[in-house]
């Protein structure tokens, strides 16, 4: 029988604490990278819609859309149910959601600068 197994390589993980809860994840996973990419793309369209001077009803819809995007992204990056743990019992607050995402992306950026992904370097040579 033919077998395949990956080598014993432990990736470094980013550890963050949010509201007293510890989370750890590998920013280089496909899930995290795709979630980050989708967030940036969708966030751009949300920001563009704010520039059109929306009515209060439209603004409320945009805020809910933005917060839903944060929920989806947080659950993909930090793990299923993370958003619910972080925001449990809290009133929807656009600024809190944005501050959380700023924090996560700043930490991911800092981690990636300190721990560059060199696993693909042999293919680039």
Protein backbone atom coordinates (compact mmCIF):
# COMPACT_ATOMS: atom_id res chain seq x y z
CA UNK A 1 0.00 0.00 0.00
CA UNK A 2 1.33 3.43 -0.93
CA UNK A 3 1.23 6.08 1.80
CA UNK A 4 1.57 9.83 1.99
CA UNK A 5 2.27 11.90 5.10
CA UNK A 6 3.31 15.50 5.63
CA UNK A 7 6.60 16.19 7.37
CA UNK A 8 6.66 17.03 11.07
CA UNK A 9 6.57 20.81 10.81
CA UNK A 10 4.81 22.82 13.49
CA UNK A 11 3.72 26.19 12.12
CA UNK A 12 3.99 29.22 14.35
CA UNK A 13 0.65 30.56 15.50
CA UNK A 14 -0.53 34.04 16.31
CA UNK A 15 -1.95 34.37 19.83
CA UNK A 16 -4.35 37.18 20.67
CA UNK A 17 -6.54 38.01 23.61
CA UNK A 18 -9.95 39.59 23.08
CA UNK A 19 -12.16 40.50 26.02
CA UNK A 20 -10.22 38.15 28.29
CA UNK A 21 -10.48 35.18 25.92
CA UNK A 22 -7.38 33.72 24.29
CA UNK A 23 -7.35 32.73 20.63
CA UNK A 24 -4.59 31.28 18.50
CA UNK A 25 -4.45 30.70 14.75
CA UNK A 26 -2.08 30.38 11.83
CA UNK A 27 -2.46 33.48 9.61
CA UNK A 28 -0.99 31.55 6.68
CA UNK A 29 -3.85 29.06 6.36
CA UNK A 30 -5.99 29.24 3.27
CA UNK A 31 -9.09 29.84 5.41
CA UNK A 32 -7.60 32.91 7.12
CA UNK A 33 -6.17 34.33 3.92
CA UNK A 34 -9.44 33.89 1.99
CA UNK A 35 -11.48 35.35 4.88
CA UNK A 36 -9.18 38.38 5.04
CA UNK A 37 -9.33 38.88 1.29
CA UNK A 38 -13.14 38.65 1.26
CA UNK A 39 -13.43 41.06 4.18
CA UNK A 40 -11.31 43.72 2.46
CA UNK A 41 -13.22 43.34 -0.81
CA UNK A 42 -16.67 43.50 0.82
CA UNK A 43 -15.66 46.27 3.20
CA UNK A 44 -14.64 48.40 0.24
CA UNK A 45 -18.16 48.18 -1.26
CA UNK A 46 -19.69 49.02 2.14
CA UNK A 47 -17.50 52.11 2.44
CA UNK A 48 -18.41 53.13 -1.11
CA UNK A 49 -22.13 52.93 -0.26
CA UNK A 50 -21.58 55.25 2.72
CA UNK A 51 -20.23 57.91 0.37
CA UNK A 52 -23.62 58.19 -1.32
CA UNK A 53 -25.24 59.92 1.71
CA UNK A 54 -27.66 57.09 2.62
CA UNK A 55 -30.94 57.63 4.46
CA UNK A 56 -31.12 56.51 8.10
CA UNK A 57 -32.90 53.31 7.08
CA UNK A 58 -30.24 52.57 4.46
CA UNK A 59 -27.49 53.42 6.97
CA UNK A 60 -28.94 50.93 9.46
CA UNK A 61 -28.94 48.28 6.73
CA UNK A 62 -25.32 49.07 5.83
CA UNK A 63 -24.25 48.84 9.50
CA UNK A 64 -25.92 45.44 9.86
CA UNK A 65 -24.27 44.26 6.65
CA UNK A 66 -20.86 45.42 7.93
CA UNK A 67 -21.37 43.74 11.31
CA UNK A 68 -22.49 40.52 9.61
CA UNK A 69 -19.32 40.61 7.55
CA UNK A 70 -17.29 40.97 10.77
CA UNK A 71 -19.15 37.99 12.30
CA UNK A 72 -18.39 35.82 9.28
CA UNK A 73 -14.74 36.88 9.16
CA UNK A 74 -14.11 36.51 12.90
CA UNK A 75 -15.63 33.02 12.92
CA UNK A 76 -13.43 32.00 10.00
CA UNK A 77 -10.24 33.47 11.48
CA UNK A 78 -10.65 32.68 15.18
CA UNK A 79 -12.90 29.64 14.91
CA UNK A 80 -16.58 28.82 14.78
CA UNK A 81 -18.54 30.55 17.54
CA UNK A 82 -15.79 33.07 18.32
CA UNK A 83 -17.88 36.05 17.30
CA UNK A 84 -20.69 34.96 19.59
CA UNK A 85 -18.27 34.62 22.52
CA UNK A 86 -16.75 38.05 21.88
CA UNK A 87 -19.98 39.98 21.35
CA UNK A 88 -22.32 37.95 23.59
CA UNK A 89 -24.96 40.21 25.10
CA UNK A 90 -23.57 43.36 23.49
CA UNK A 91 -25.60 45.85 21.50
CA UNK A 92 -24.57 46.06 17.83
CA UNK A 93 -21.94 48.78 17.65
CA UNK A 94 -20.32 49.52 14.30
CA UNK A 95 -17.27 51.17 15.88
CA UNK A 96 -16.58 48.18 18.16
CA UNK A 97 -16.75 45.85 15.18
CA UNK A 98 -14.36 48.01 13.18
CA UNK A 99 -11.94 48.33 16.10
CA UNK A 100 -11.87 44.55 16.48
CA UNK A 101 -11.06 44.09 12.80
CA UNK A 102 -8.37 46.78 12.93
CA UNK A 103 -6.82 44.97 15.89
CA UNK A 104 -6.91 41.57 14.15
CA UNK A 105 -5.44 42.87 10.89
CA UNK A 106 -2.73 44.83 12.72
CA UNK A 107 -1.76 41.71 14.67
CA UNK A 108 -1.77 39.57 11.51
CA UNK A 109 0.40 42.11 9.71
CA UNK A 110 2.85 42.31 12.61
CA UNK A 111 3.00 38.49 12.88
CA UNK A 112 3.64 38.07 9.15
CA UNK A 113 6.46 40.64 9.21
CA UNK A 114 8.10 38.85 12.14
CA UNK A 115 7.40 35.35 10.75
CA UNK A 116 7.55 35.44 6.94
CA UNK A 117 6.12 32.43 5.13
CA UNK A 118 9.17 30.84 3.54
CA UNK A 119 7.60 27.45 2.80
CA UNK A 120 7.11 28.33 -0.88
CA UNK A 121 10.61 29.76 -1.40
CA UNK A 122 11.95 26.54 -2.96
CA UNK A 123 9.38 26.89 -5.78
CA UNK A 124 10.39 30.48 -6.49
CA UNK A 125 14.10 29.72 -6.92
